[in-house]
Amino acid sequence: QNLESIGFNWAKHNQTWDAMYEKLKQYKAVYGDTDVPQKYADNPQLGQWLNNQRSGYTNFRAGGTKRSKCNGMSEDRIQQLESIGWSCRCEDG
């Protein structure tokens, strides 16, 4: 089912993504990398968000066309993440 047809607000989703991206940049400023643990005690949402980005990246690169399955991942977002040193480092299996 199309998310727009049930009232999903992509603008709010984009604002959330942008806010979490800013938190990732802050994390990098403190720790020097973007390797946020999935269960990061100081900000559990950031660790989970980054895990979702990895999943979205994998689905997007595998040819996923549904925005929801790719967690909103796009070439622009990949470029933003990579510009601050993020690497998916997705492991097979």
PDB file of N, CA and C in Angstrom:
ATOM      1  N   GLN A   1       0.853  -1.179   0.000  1.00  0.00           N
ATOM      2  CA  GLN A   1       0.000   0.000   0.000  1.00  0.00           C
ATOM      3  C   GLN A   1       0.898   1.241   0.000  1.00  0.00           C
ATOM      4  N   ASN A   2       0.488   2.204  -0.741  1.00  0.00           N
ATOM      5  CA  ASN A   2       1.235   3.447  -0.866  1.00  0.00           C
ATOM      6  C   ASN A   2       1.134   4.238   0.436  1.00  0.00           C
ATOM      7  N   LEU A   3       2.284   4.608   0.988  1.00  0.00           N
ATOM      8  CA  LEU A   3       2.284   5.307   2.277  1.00  0.00           C
ATOM      9  C   LEU A   3       1.550   6.646   2.217  1.00  0.00           C
ATOM     10  N   GLU A   4       1.676   7.333   1.100  1.00  0.00           N
ATOM     11  CA  GLU A   4       0.974   8.612   0.980  1.00  0.00           C
ATOM     12  C   GLU A   4      -0.539   8.436   1.082  1.00  0.00           C
ATOM     13  N   SER A   5      -1.036   7.304   0.605  1.00  0.00           N
ATOM     14  CA  SER A   5      -2.482   7.072   0.621  1.00  0.00           C
ATOM     15  C   SER A   5      -3.031   6.899   2.036  1.00  0.00           C
ATOM     16  N   ILE A   6      -2.140   6.621   3.002  1.00  0.00           N
ATOM     17  CA  ILE A   6      -2.597   6.491   4.388  1.00  0.00           C
ATOM     18  C   ILE A   6      -2.121   7.670   5.235  1.00  0.00           C
ATOM     19  N   GLY A   7      -1.677   8.733   4.550  1.00  0.00           N
ATOM     20  CA  GLY A   7      -1.352   9.963   5.247  1.00  0.00           C
ATOM     21  C   GLY A   7       0.064  10.076   5.780  1.00  0.00           C
ATOM     22  N   PHE A   8       0.988   9.238   5.287  1.00  0.00           N
ATOM     23  CA  PHE A   8       2.366   9.335   5.754  1.00  0.00           C
ATOM     24  C   PHE A   8       2.950  10.675   5.337  1.00  0.00           C
ATOM     25  N   ASN A   9       3.657  11.327   6.259  1.00  0.00           N
ATOM     26  CA  ASN A   9       4.211  12.654   6.013  1.00  0.00           C
ATOM     27  C   ASN A   9       5.712  12.540   5.756  1.00  0.00           C
ATOM     28  N   TRP A  10       6.112  12.587   4.473  1.00  0.00           N
ATOM     29  CA  TRP A  10       7.525  12.478   4.122  1.00  0.00           C
ATOM     30  C   TRP A  10       8.315  13.675   4.640  1.00  0.00           C
ATOM     31  N   ALA A  11       7.715  14.858   4.698  1.00  0.00           N
ATOM     32  CA  ALA A  11       8.431  16.050   5.178  1.00  0.00           C
ATOM     33  C   ALA A  11       8.891  15.844   6.620  1.00  0.00           C
ATOM     34  N   LYS A  12       8.024  15.297   7.459  1.00  0.00           N
ATOM     35  CA  LYS A  12       8.398  15.032   8.844  1.00  0.00           C
ATOM     36  C   LYS A  12       9.493  13.971   8.905  1.00  0.00           C
ATOM     37  N   HIS A  13       9.391  12.955   8.062  1.00  0.00           N
ATOM     38  CA  HIS A  13      10.410  11.910   7.985  1.00  0.00           C
ATOM     39  C   HIS A  13      11.753  12.522   7.597  1.00  0.00           C
ATOM     40  N   ASN A  14      11.749  13.440   6.647  1.00  0.00           N
ATOM     41  CA  ASN A  14      12.982  14.106   6.220  1.00  0.00           C
ATOM     42  C   ASN A  14      13.575  14.948   7.342  1.00  0.00           C
ATOM     43  N   GLN A  15      12.732  15.627   8.105  1.00  0.00           N
ATOM     44  CA  GLN A  15      13.220  16.435   9.230  1.00  0.00           C
ATOM     45  C   GLN A  15      13.874  15.531  10.274  1.00  0.00           C
ATOM     46  N   THR A  16      13.275  14.393  10.524  1.00  0.00           N
ATOM     47  CA  THR A  16      13.842  13.445  11.482  1.00  0.00           C
ATOM     48  C   THR A  16      15.191  12.944  10.977  1.00  0.00           C
ATOM     49  N   TRP A  17      15.274  12.617   9.700  1.00  0.00           N
ATOM     50  CA  TRP A  17      16.533  12.145   9.122  1.00  0.00           C
ATOM     51  C   TRP A  17      17.602  13.220   9.277  1.00  0.00           C
ATOM     52  N   ASP A  18      17.260  14.447   8.934  1.00  0.00           N
ATOM     53  CA  ASP A  18      18.216  15.555   9.038  1.00  0.00           C
ATOM     54  C   ASP A  18      18.694  15.752  10.479  1.00  0.00           C
ATOM     55  N   ALA A  19      17.787  15.633  11.430  1.00  0.00           N
ATOM     56  CA  ALA A  19      18.148  15.801  12.841  1.00  0.00           C
ATOM     57  C   ALA A  19      19.093  14.694  13.298  1.00  0.00           C
ATOM     58  N   MET A  20      18.824  13.474  12.882  1.00  0.00           N
ATOM     59  CA  MET A  20      19.696  12.360  13.264  1.00  0.00           C
ATOM     60  C   MET A  20      21.050  12.465  12.562  1.00  0.00           C
ATOM     61  N   TYR A  21      21.057  12.944  11.346  1.00  0.00           N
ATOM     62  CA  TYR A  21      22.316  13.152  10.638  1.00  0.00           C
ATOM     63  C   TYR A  21      23.172  14.173  11.389  1.00  0.00           C
ATOM     64  N   GLU A  22      22.545  15.222  11.898  1.00  0.00           N
ATOM     65  CA  GLU A  22      23.274  16.215  12.692  1.00  0.00           C
ATOM     66  C   GLU A  22      23.845  15.591  13.966  1.00  0.00           C
ATOM     67  N   LYS A  23      23.083  14.709  14.593  1.00  0.00           N
ATOM     68  CA  LYS A  23      23.571  14.020  15.791  1.00  0.00           C
ATOM     69  C   LYS A  23      24.755  13.116  15.444  1.00  0.00           C
ATOM     70  N   LEU A  24      24.717  12.506  14.267  1.00  0.00           N
ATOM     71  CA  LEU A  24      25.835  11.675  13.823  1.00  0.00           C
ATOM     72  C   LEU A  24      27.081  12.540  13.621  1.00  0.00           C
ATOM     73  N   LYS A  25      26.912  13.713  13.055  1.00  0.00           N
ATOM     74  CA  LYS A  25      28.050  14.621  12.878  1.00  0.00           C
ATOM     75  C   LYS A  25      28.617  15.048  14.235  1.00  0.00           C
ATOM     76  N   GLN A  26      27.739  15.268  15.209  1.00  0.00           N
ATOM     77  CA  GLN A  26      28.194  15.620  16.559  1.00  0.00           C
ATOM     78  C   GLN A  26      28.971  14.458  17.182  1.00  0.00           C
ATOM     79  N   TYR A  27      28.464  13.244  16.993  1.00  0.00           N
ATOM     80  CA  TYR A  27      29.157  12.052  17.496  1.00  0.00           C
ATOM     81  C   TYR A  27      30.560  11.982  16.904  1.00  0.00           C
ATOM     82  N   LYS A  28      30.662  12.213  15.591  1.00  0.00           N
ATOM     83  CA  LYS A  28      31.963  12.161  14.939  1.00  0.00           C
ATOM     84  C   LYS A  28      32.902  13.230  15.489  1.00  0.00           C
ATOM     85  N   ALA A  29      32.374  14.409  15.774  1.00  0.00           N
ATOM     86  CA  ALA A  29      33.204  15.484  16.313  1.00  0.00           C
ATOM     87  C   ALA A  29      33.814  15.083  17.658  1.00  0.00           C
ATOM     88  N   VAL A  30      33.086  14.299  18.429  1.00  0.00           N
ATOM     89  CA  VAL A  30      33.566  13.871  19.745  1.00  0.00           C
ATOM     90  C   VAL A  30      34.487  12.649  19.643  1.00  0.00           C
ATOM     91  N   TYR A  31      34.076  11.641  18.858  1.00  0.00           N
ATOM     92  CA  TYR A  31      34.774  10.353  18.845  1.00  0.00           C
ATOM     93  C   TYR A  31      35.685  10.137  17.639  1.00  0.00           C
ATOM     94  N   GLY A  32      35.585  11.011  16.624  1.00  0.00           N
ATOM     95  CA  GLY A  32      36.466  10.912  15.476  1.00  0.00           C
ATOM     96  C   GLY A  32      36.066   9.903  14.424  1.00  0.00           C
ATOM     97  N   ASP A  33      34.915   9.267  14.597  1.00  0.00           N
ATOM     98  CA  ASP A  33      34.426   8.314  13.601  1.00  0.00           C
ATOM     99  C   ASP A  33      32.904   8.300  13.622  1.00  0.00           C
ATOM    100  N   THR A  34      32.329   7.501  12.735  1.00  0.00           N
ATOM    101  CA  THR A  34      30.864   7.380  12.681  1.00  0.00           C
ATOM    102  C   THR A  34      30.409   5.978  13.065  1.00  0.00           C
ATOM    103  N   ASP A  35      31.243   5.285  13.833  1.00  0.00           N
ATOM    104  CA  ASP A  35      30.955   3.902  14.235  1.00  0.00           C
ATOM    105  C   ASP A  35      30.126   3.862  15.515  1.00  0.00           C
ATOM    106  N   VAL A  36      28.928   4.368  15.444  1.00  0.00           N
ATOM    107  CA  VAL A  36      28.045   4.419  16.610  1.00  0.00           C
ATOM    108  C   VAL A  36      27.576   3.001  16.936  1.00  0.00           C
ATOM    109  N   PRO A  37      27.789   2.555  18.161  1.00  0.00           N
ATOM    110  CA  PRO A  37      27.276   1.230  18.534  1.00  0.00           C
ATOM    111  C   PRO A  37      25.747   1.199  18.431  1.00  0.00           C
ATOM    112  N   GLN A  38      25.217   0.060  18.027  1.00  0.00           N
ATOM    113  CA  GLN A  38      23.765  -0.056  17.899  1.00  0.00           C
ATOM    114  C   GLN A  38      23.077   0.227  19.235  1.00  0.00           C
ATOM    115  N   LYS A  39      23.712  -0.147  20.333  1.00  0.00           N
ATOM    116  CA  LYS A  39      23.139   0.087  21.654  1.00  0.00           C
ATOM    117  C   LYS A  39      23.935   1.174  22.370  1.00  0.00           C
ATOM    118  N   TYR A  40      24.101   2.301  21.714  1.00  0.00           N
ATOM    119  CA  TYR A  40      24.852   3.436  22.241  1.00  0.00           C
ATOM    120  C   TYR A  40      24.099   4.023  23.432  1.00  0.00           C
ATOM    121  N   ALA A  41      24.676   3.903  24.602  1.00  0.00           N
ATOM    122  CA  ALA A  41      23.992   4.273  25.844  1.00  0.00           C
ATOM    123  C   ALA A  41      23.613   5.757  25.902  1.00  0.00           C
ATOM    124  N   ASP A  42      24.481   6.640  25.382  1.00  0.00           N
ATOM    125  CA  ASP A  42      24.203   8.071  25.463  1.00  0.00           C
ATOM    126  C   ASP A  42      23.058   8.517  24.563  1.00  0.00           C
ATOM    127  N   ASN A  43      22.803   7.753  23.495  1.00  0.00           N
ATOM    128  CA  ASN A  43      21.716   8.096  22.577  1.00  0.00           C
ATOM    129  C   ASN A  43      21.292   6.834  21.824  1.00  0.00           C
ATOM    130  N   PRO A  44      20.478   5.998  22.457  1.00  0.00           N
ATOM    131  CA  PRO A  44      20.071   4.746  21.822  1.00  0.00           C
ATOM    132  C   PRO A  44      19.401   4.944  20.457  1.00  0.00           C
ATOM    133  N   GLN A  45      18.702   6.070  20.295  1.00  0.00           N
ATOM    134  CA  GLN A  45      18.026   6.334  19.025  1.00  0.00           C
ATOM    135  C   GLN A  45      19.044   6.492  17.895  1.00  0.00           C
ATOM    136  N   LEU A  46      20.203   7.084  18.184  1.00  0.00           N
ATOM    137  CA  LEU A  46      21.216   7.279  17.155  1.00  0.00           C
ATOM    138  C   LEU A  46      21.770   5.941  16.680  1.00  0.00           C
ATOM    139  N   GLY A  47      22.058   5.049  17.604  1.00  0.00           N
ATOM    140  CA  GLY A  47      22.537   3.726  17.227  1.00  0.00           C
ATOM    141  C   GLY A  47      21.522   2.970  16.386  1.00  0.00           C
ATOM    142  N   GLN A  48      20.261   3.040  16.769  1.00  0.00           N
ATOM    143  CA  GLN A  48      19.213   2.360  16.014  1.00  0.00           C
ATOM    144  C   GLN A  48      19.026   3.007  14.648  1.00  0.00           C
ATOM    145  N   TRP A  49      19.062   4.334  14.605  1.00  0.00           N
ATOM    146  CA  TRP A  49      18.916   5.053  13.342  1.00  0.00           C
ATOM    147  C   TRP A  49      20.020   4.648  12.366  1.00  0.00           C
ATOM    148  N   LEU A  50      21.251   4.572  12.870  1.00  0.00           N
ATOM    149  CA  LEU A  50      22.357   4.216  11.991  1.00  0.00           C
ATOM    150  C   LEU A  50      22.213   2.779  11.504  1.00  0.00           C
ATOM    151  N   ASN A  51      21.730   1.902  12.342  1.00  0.00           N
ATOM    152  CA  ASN A  51      21.463   0.532  11.917  1.00  0.00           C
ATOM    153  C   ASN A  51      20.415   0.524  10.799  1.00  0.00           C
ATOM    154  N   ASN A  52      19.396   1.369  10.933  1.00  0.00           N
ATOM    155  CA  ASN A  52      18.374   1.474   9.885  1.00  0.00           C
ATOM    156  C   ASN A  52      18.964   2.018   8.585  1.00  0.00           C
ATOM    157  N   GLN A  53      19.943   2.924   8.707  1.00  0.00           N
ATOM    158  CA  GLN A  53      20.590   3.455   7.504  1.00  0.00           C
ATOM    159  C   GLN A  53      21.361   2.349   6.788  1.00  0.00           C
ATOM    160  N   ARG A  54      22.020   1.501   7.546  1.00  0.00           N
ATOM    161  CA  ARG A  54      22.742   0.375   6.945  1.00  0.00           C
ATOM    162  C   ARG A  54      21.777  -0.555   6.201  1.00  0.00           C
ATOM    163  N   SER A  55      20.658  -0.841   6.840  1.00  0.00           N
ATOM    164  CA  SER A  55      19.652  -1.693   6.219  1.00  0.00           C
ATOM    165  C   SER A  55      19.092  -1.039   4.956  1.00  0.00           C
ATOM    166  N   GLY A  56      18.778   0.246   5.053  1.00  0.00           N
ATOM    167  CA  GLY A  56      18.264   0.972   3.897  1.00  0.00           C
ATOM    168  C   GLY A  56      19.274   1.016   2.765  1.00  0.00           C
ATOM    169  N   TYR A  57      20.541   1.207   3.113  1.00  0.00           N
ATOM    170  CA  TYR A  57      21.613   1.234   2.122  1.00  0.00           C
ATOM    171  C   TYR A  57      21.682  -0.098   1.388  1.00  0.00           C
ATOM    172  N   THR A  58      21.670  -1.186   2.152  1.00  0.00           N
ATOM    173  CA  THR A  58      21.742  -2.520   1.555  1.00  0.00           C
ATOM    174  C   THR A  58      20.581  -2.751   0.599  1.00  0.00           C
ATOM    175  N   ASN A  59      19.365  -2.423   1.033  1.00  0.00           N
ATOM    176  CA  ASN A  59      18.197  -2.619   0.180  1.00  0.00           C
ATOM    177  C   ASN A  59      18.237  -1.708  -1.045  1.00  0.00           C
ATOM    178  N   PHE A  60      18.678  -0.473  -0.860  1.00  0.00           N
ATOM    179  CA  PHE A  60      18.770   0.480  -1.967  1.00  0.00           C
ATOM    180  C   PHE A  60      19.774  -0.008  -3.002  1.00  0.00           C
ATOM    181  N   ARG A  61      20.944  -0.437  -2.557  1.00  0.00           N
ATOM    182  CA  ARG A  61      21.983  -0.924  -3.470  1.00  0.00           C
ATOM    183  C   ARG A  61      21.588  -2.231  -4.143  1.00  0.00           C
ATOM    184  N   ALA A  62      20.712  -2.980  -3.517  1.00  0.00           N
ATOM    185  CA  ALA A  62      20.239  -4.240  -4.102  1.00  0.00           C
ATOM    186  C   ALA A  62      19.134  -4.001  -5.123  1.00  0.00           C
ATOM    187  N   GLY A  63      18.826  -2.743  -5.365  1.00  0.00           N
ATOM    188  CA  GLY A  63      17.822  -2.419  -6.377  1.00  0.00           C
ATOM    189  C   GLY A  63      16.444  -2.178  -5.819  1.00  0.00           C
ATOM    190  N   GLY A  64      16.352  -2.008  -4.516  1.00  0.00           N
ATOM    191  CA  GLY A  64      15.052  -1.737  -3.911  1.00  0.00           C
ATOM    192  C   GLY A  64      14.446  -0.458  -4.465  1.00  0.00           C
ATOM    193  N   THR A  65      13.181  -0.510  -4.763  1.00  0.00           N
ATOM    194  CA  THR A  65      12.515   0.664  -5.323  1.00  0.00           C
ATOM    195  C   THR A  65      11.492   1.256  -4.370  1.00  0.00           C
ATOM    196  N   LYS A  66      11.086   0.500  -3.368  1.00  0.00           N
ATOM    197  CA  LYS A  66      10.113   1.016  -2.409  1.00  0.00           C
ATOM    198  C   LYS A  66      10.840   1.842  -1.365  1.00  0.00           C
ATOM    199  N   ARG A  67      10.459   3.090  -1.257  1.00  0.00           N
ATOM    200  CA  ARG A  67      11.127   4.001  -0.333  1.00  0.00           C
ATOM    201  C   ARG A  67      11.057   3.483   1.101  1.00  0.00           C
ATOM    202  N   SER A  68       9.929   2.873   1.463  1.00  0.00           N
ATOM    203  CA  SER A  68       9.781   2.384   2.834  1.00  0.00           C
ATOM    204  C   SER A  68      10.756   1.244   3.127  1.00  0.00           C
ATOM    205  N   LYS A  69      10.961   0.336   2.179  1.00  0.00           N
ATOM    206  CA  LYS A  69      11.878  -0.791   2.390  1.00  0.00           C
ATOM    207  C   LYS A  69      13.323  -0.306   2.486  1.00  0.00           C
ATOM    208  N   CYS A  70      13.626   0.793   1.826  1.00  0.00           N
ATOM    209  CA  CYS A  70      14.989   1.343   1.834  1.00  0.00           C
ATOM    210  C   CYS A  70      15.158   2.390   2.925  1.00  0.00           C
ATOM    211  N   ASN A  71      14.201   2.502   3.834  1.00  0.00           N
ATOM    212  CA  ASN A  71      14.264   3.466   4.930  1.00  0.00           C
ATOM    213  C   ASN A  71      14.518   4.881   4.430  1.00  0.00           C
ATOM    214  N   GLY A  72      13.986   5.195   3.260  1.00  0.00           N
ATOM    215  CA  GLY A  72      14.145   6.532   2.700  1.00  0.00           C
ATOM    216  C   GLY A  72      15.526   6.789   2.120  1.00  0.00           C
ATOM    217  N   MET A  73      16.353   5.751   1.981  1.00  0.00           N
ATOM    218  CA  MET A  73      17.705   5.929   1.470  1.00  0.00           C
ATOM    219  C   MET A  73      17.659   6.382   0.021  1.00  0.00           C
ATOM    220  N   SER A  74      18.586   7.275  -0.318  1.00  0.00           N
ATOM    221  CA  SER A  74      18.703   7.794  -1.678  1.00  0.00           C
ATOM    222  C   SER A  74      20.174   8.072  -1.959  1.00  0.00           C
ATOM    223  N   GLU A  75      20.487   8.335  -3.213  1.00  0.00           N
ATOM    224  CA  GLU A  75      21.865   8.689  -3.570  1.00  0.00           C
ATOM    225  C   GLU A  75      22.315   9.927  -2.799  1.00  0.00           C
ATOM    226  N   ASP A  76      21.437  10.908  -2.659  1.00  0.00           N
ATOM    227  CA  ASP A  76      21.785  12.131  -1.927  1.00  0.00           C
ATOM    228  C   ASP A  76      22.141  11.825  -0.476  1.00  0.00           C
ATOM    229  N   ARG A  77      21.354  10.987   0.156  1.00  0.00           N
ATOM    230  CA  ARG A  77      21.628  10.646   1.556  1.00  0.00           C
ATOM    231  C   ARG A  77      22.914   9.840   1.685  1.00  0.00           C
ATOM    232  N   ILE A  78      23.137   8.942   0.755  1.00  0.00           N
ATOM    233  CA  ILE A  78      24.384   8.171   0.770  1.00  0.00           C
ATOM    234  C   ILE A  78      25.566   9.123   0.662  1.00  0.00           C
ATOM    235  N   GLN A  79      25.478  10.087  -0.243  1.00  0.00           N
ATOM    236  CA  GLN A  79      26.563  11.063  -0.402  1.00  0.00           C
ATOM    237  C   GLN A  79      26.768  11.879   0.868  1.00  0.00           C
ATOM    238  N   GLN A  80      25.659  12.278   1.506  1.00  0.00           N
ATOM    239  CA  GLN A  80      25.784  13.025   2.760  1.00  0.00           C
ATOM    240  C   GLN A  80      26.512  12.197   3.814  1.00  0.00           C
ATOM    241  N   LEU A  81      26.088  10.958   3.970  1.00  0.00           N
ATOM    242  CA  LEU A  81      26.700  10.082   4.971  1.00  0.00           C
ATOM    243  C   LEU A  81      28.176   9.830   4.661  1.00  0.00           C
ATOM    244  N   GLU A  82      28.458   9.535   3.405  1.00  0.00           N
ATOM    245  CA  GLU A  82      29.845   9.256   3.029  1.00  0.00           C
ATOM    246  C   GLU A  82      30.728  10.496   3.150  1.00  0.00           C
ATOM    247  N   SER A  83      30.152  11.688   3.004  1.00  0.00           N
ATOM    248  CA  SER A  83      30.934  12.922   3.081  1.00  0.00           C
ATOM    249  C   SER A  83      31.518  13.156   4.478  1.00  0.00           C
ATOM    250  N   ILE A  84      30.943  12.501   5.485  1.00  0.00           N
ATOM    251  CA  ILE A  84      31.472  12.641   6.845  1.00  0.00           C
ATOM    252  C   ILE A  84      32.199  11.370   7.290  1.00  0.00           C
ATOM    253  N   GLY A  85      32.472  10.485   6.333  1.00  0.00           N
ATOM    254  CA  GLY A  85      33.277   9.310   6.638  1.00  0.00           C
ATOM    255  C   GLY A  85      32.499   8.049   6.956  1.00  0.00           C
ATOM    256  N   TRP A  86      31.192   8.061   6.766  1.00  0.00           N
ATOM    257  CA  TRP A  86      30.394   6.867   7.039  1.00  0.00           C
ATOM    258  C   TRP A  86      30.648   5.821   5.977  1.00  0.00           C
ATOM    259  N   SER A  87      30.717   4.593   6.409  1.00  0.00           N
ATOM    260  CA  SER A  87      30.835   3.459   5.508  1.00  0.00           C
ATOM    261  C   SER A  87      29.859   2.408   5.999  1.00  0.00           C
ATOM    262  N   CYS A  88      29.120   1.837   5.073  1.00  0.00           N
ATOM    263  CA  CYS A  88      28.093   0.871   5.474  1.00  0.00           C
ATOM    264  C   CYS A  88      28.693  -0.311   6.208  1.00  0.00           C
ATOM    265  N   ARG A  89      29.757  -0.866   5.678  1.00  0.00           N
ATOM    266  CA  ARG A  89      30.365  -2.057   6.262  1.00  0.00           C
ATOM    267  C   ARG A  89      29.336  -3.122   6.586  1.00  0.00           C
ATOM    268  N   CYS A  90      28.413  -3.286   5.657  1.00  0.00           N
ATOM    269  CA  CYS A  90      27.372  -4.311   5.834  1.00  0.00           C
ATOM    270  C   CYS A  90      28.014  -5.681   5.681  1.00  0.00           C
ATOM    271  N   GLU A  91      27.667  -6.558   6.572  1.00  0.00           N
ATOM    272  CA  GLU A  91      28.228  -7.895   6.536  1.00  0.00           C
ATOM    273  C   GLU A  91      27.213  -8.838   5.929  1.00  0.00           C
ATOM    274  N   ASP A  92      27.704  -9.747   5.090  1.00  0.00           N
ATOM    275  CA  ASP A  92      26.824 -10.758   4.485  1.00  0.00           C
ATOM    276  C   ASP A  92      26.468 -11.816   5.529  1.00  0.00           C
ATOM    277  N   GLY A  93      25.198 -12.279   5.382  1.00  0.00           N
ATOM    278  CA  GLY A  93      24.745 -13.402   6.185  1.00  0.00           C
ATOM    279  C   GLY A  93      24.701 -13.076   7.599  1.00  0.00           C
TER     280      GLY A  93
END
